[in-house]
């Protein structure tokens, strides 16, 4: 029974490491996206660029 518990612990450790790697990659990607400046005024409204003085866009 003890051997089974040790094997189970090893399997869960591997799964936890894989999950941590995925989460770390997602966090880095999110951080990279947030660090890039957003382009203001490039929104598309009704097939063309959105007017800069408008506060809403009618579709």
N, C-alpha and C. Protein backbone atom coordinates (compact mmCIF):
# COMPACT_ATOMS: atom_id res chain seq x y z
N UNK A 1 0.82 -1.18 0.00
CA UNK A 1 0.00 0.00 0.00
C UNK A 1 0.88 1.26 0.00
N UNK A 2 1.97 1.23 0.73
CA UNK A 2 2.85 2.39 0.79
C UNK A 2 3.46 2.69 -0.58
N UNK A 3 3.79 1.65 -1.33
CA UNK A 3 4.34 1.84 -2.67
C UNK A 3 3.32 2.52 -3.58
N UNK A 4 2.07 2.13 -3.45
CA UNK A 4 1.01 2.73 -4.25
C UNK A 4 0.88 4.21 -3.93
N UNK A 5 0.99 4.57 -2.66
CA UNK A 5 0.91 5.97 -2.28
C UNK A 5 2.09 6.77 -2.83
N UNK A 6 3.27 6.19 -2.81
CA UNK A 6 4.44 6.87 -3.35
C UNK A 6 4.30 7.08 -4.85
N UNK A 7 3.81 6.07 -5.56
CA UNK A 7 3.61 6.20 -7.00
C UNK A 7 2.56 7.27 -7.30
N UNK A 8 1.50 7.27 -6.52
CA UNK A 8 0.45 8.26 -6.70
C UNK A 8 0.99 9.67 -6.48
N UNK A 9 1.81 9.82 -5.46
CA UNK A 9 2.40 11.13 -5.16
C UNK A 9 3.27 11.60 -6.32
N UNK A 10 4.03 10.68 -6.90
CA UNK A 10 4.90 11.04 -8.04
C UNK A 10 4.06 11.47 -9.23
N UNK A 11 2.96 10.74 -9.49
CA UNK A 11 2.10 11.09 -10.63
C UNK A 11 1.45 12.46 -10.42
N UNK A 12 0.98 12.74 -9.21
CA UNK A 12 0.38 14.04 -8.93
C UNK A 12 1.40 15.15 -9.02
N UNK A 13 2.63 14.87 -8.60
CA UNK A 13 3.70 15.87 -8.69
C UNK A 13 3.97 16.23 -10.15
N UNK A 14 3.99 15.22 -11.02
CA UNK A 14 4.21 15.48 -12.44
C UNK A 14 3.08 16.32 -13.01
N UNK A 15 1.84 15.98 -12.65
CA UNK A 15 0.70 16.75 -13.13
C UNK A 15 0.74 18.19 -12.60
N UNK A 16 1.13 18.35 -11.35
CA UNK A 16 1.22 19.70 -10.77
C UNK A 16 2.29 20.51 -11.48
N UNK A 17 3.41 19.90 -11.80
CA UNK A 17 4.48 20.61 -12.50
C UNK A 17 4.03 21.04 -13.90
N UNK A 18 3.31 20.16 -14.60
CA UNK A 18 2.79 20.52 -15.92
C UNK A 18 1.82 21.69 -15.82
N UNK A 19 0.94 21.64 -14.82
CA UNK A 19 -0.03 22.71 -14.64
C UNK A 19 0.67 24.03 -14.32
N UNK A 20 1.67 23.99 -13.46
CA UNK A 20 2.41 25.21 -13.12
C UNK A 20 3.09 25.80 -14.33
N UNK A 21 3.62 24.95 -15.20
CA UNK A 21 4.27 25.43 -16.42
C UNK A 21 3.26 26.12 -17.33
N UNK A 22 2.07 25.54 -17.46
CA UNK A 22 1.03 26.14 -18.29
C UNK A 22 0.59 27.49 -17.72
N UNK A 23 0.38 27.54 -16.41
CA UNK A 23 -0.06 28.78 -15.77
C UNK A 23 1.01 29.86 -15.93
N UNK A 24 2.26 29.47 -15.75
CA UNK A 24 3.35 30.44 -15.89
C UNK A 24 3.40 30.99 -17.31
N UNK A 25 3.22 30.12 -18.31
CA UNK A 25 3.23 30.56 -19.70
C UNK A 25 2.07 31.51 -19.97
N UNK A 26 0.89 31.20 -19.44
CA UNK A 26 -0.27 32.08 -19.63
C UNK A 26 -0.07 33.43 -18.95
N UNK A 27 0.51 33.42 -17.77
CA UNK A 27 0.76 34.68 -17.06
C UNK A 27 1.77 35.54 -17.82
N UNK A 28 2.81 34.91 -18.36
CA UNK A 28 3.79 35.66 -19.14
C UNK A 28 3.17 36.24 -20.39
N UNK A 29 2.30 35.46 -21.05
CA UNK A 29 1.62 35.95 -22.25
C UNK A 29 0.71 37.12 -21.90
N UNK A 30 -0.01 36.99 -20.79
CA UNK A 30 -0.90 38.07 -20.35
C UNK A 30 -0.10 39.33 -20.02
N UNK A 31 1.02 39.15 -19.35
CA UNK A 31 1.87 40.28 -19.00
C UNK A 31 2.44 40.93 -20.26
N UNK A 32 2.80 40.12 -21.23
CA UNK A 32 3.34 40.64 -22.48
C UNK A 32 2.28 41.44 -23.22
N UNK A 33 1.06 40.95 -23.23
CA UNK A 33 -0.03 41.67 -23.89
C UNK A 33 -0.30 43.00 -23.20
N UNK A 34 -0.29 42.99 -21.88
CA UNK A 34 -0.61 44.22 -21.15
C UNK A 34 0.51 45.24 -21.26
N UNK A 35 1.74 44.79 -21.50
CA UNK A 35 2.85 45.73 -21.61
C UNK A 35 2.90 46.39 -22.99
N UNK A 36 2.26 45.80 -23.98
CA UNK A 36 2.24 46.40 -25.31
C UNK A 36 1.25 47.56 -25.32
N UNK A 37 1.63 48.68 -25.90
CA UNK A 37 0.71 49.82 -25.93
C UNK A 37 -0.47 49.54 -26.85
N UNK A 38 -1.64 49.96 -26.42
CA UNK A 38 -2.83 49.79 -27.25
C UNK A 38 -2.89 50.92 -28.26
N UNK A 39 -3.31 50.60 -29.42
CA UNK A 39 -3.46 51.62 -30.46
C UNK A 39 -4.83 52.27 -30.31
N UNK A 40 -4.83 53.52 -30.02
CA UNK A 40 -6.08 54.26 -29.83
C UNK A 40 -6.54 54.77 -31.19
N UNK A 41 -7.82 54.64 -31.45
CA UNK A 41 -8.38 55.12 -32.70
C UNK A 41 -8.33 54.12 -33.84
N UNK A 42 -7.99 52.89 -33.56
CA UNK A 42 -7.95 51.88 -34.62
C UNK A 42 -9.17 50.97 -34.58
N UNK A 43 -10.15 51.30 -33.76
CA UNK A 43 -11.35 50.50 -33.70
C UNK A 43 -12.12 50.61 -35.01
N UNK A 44 -12.78 49.54 -35.38
CA UNK A 44 -13.55 49.54 -36.63
C UNK A 44 -15.03 49.63 -36.28
N UNK A 45 -15.69 50.55 -36.93
CA UNK A 45 -17.11 50.78 -36.70
C UNK A 45 -17.81 50.87 -38.05
N UNK A 46 -18.79 50.04 -38.28
CA UNK A 46 -19.55 50.02 -39.53
C UNK A 46 -18.64 49.85 -40.75
N UNK A 47 -17.62 49.04 -40.63
CA UNK A 47 -16.74 48.76 -41.75
C UNK A 47 -15.62 49.75 -41.95
N UNK A 48 -15.59 50.81 -41.20
CA UNK A 48 -14.54 51.82 -41.33
C UNK A 48 -14.00 52.19 -39.97
N UNK A 49 -13.04 53.08 -39.96
CA UNK A 49 -12.48 53.48 -38.65
C UNK A 49 -13.51 54.27 -37.85
N UNK A 50 -13.50 54.04 -36.55
CA UNK A 50 -14.43 54.74 -35.67
C UNK A 50 -14.02 56.20 -35.54
N UNK A 51 -14.99 57.11 -35.57
CA UNK A 51 -14.65 58.52 -35.38
C UNK A 51 -14.07 58.75 -33.99
N UNK A 52 -13.06 59.59 -33.89
CA UNK A 52 -12.38 59.81 -32.62
C UNK A 52 -13.21 60.63 -31.66
N UNK A 53 -14.10 61.47 -32.15
CA UNK A 53 -14.88 62.32 -31.26
C UNK A 53 -16.16 61.64 -30.80
N UNK A 54 -16.51 60.53 -31.36
CA UNK A 54 -17.74 59.85 -31.02
C UNK A 54 -17.58 59.06 -29.73
N UNK A 55 -18.63 59.02 -28.92
CA UNK A 55 -18.61 58.24 -27.70
C UNK A 55 -19.32 56.91 -27.86
N UNK A 56 -20.04 56.74 -28.98
CA UNK A 56 -20.70 55.47 -29.20
C UNK A 56 -20.64 55.13 -30.69
N UNK A 57 -20.91 53.89 -30.98
CA UNK A 57 -20.84 53.41 -32.36
C UNK A 57 -22.15 52.71 -32.67
N UNK A 58 -22.84 53.16 -33.71
CA UNK A 58 -24.11 52.55 -34.11
C UNK A 58 -23.81 51.51 -35.18
N UNK A 59 -24.23 50.30 -34.91
CA UNK A 59 -23.97 49.20 -35.86
C UNK A 59 -25.12 48.99 -36.79
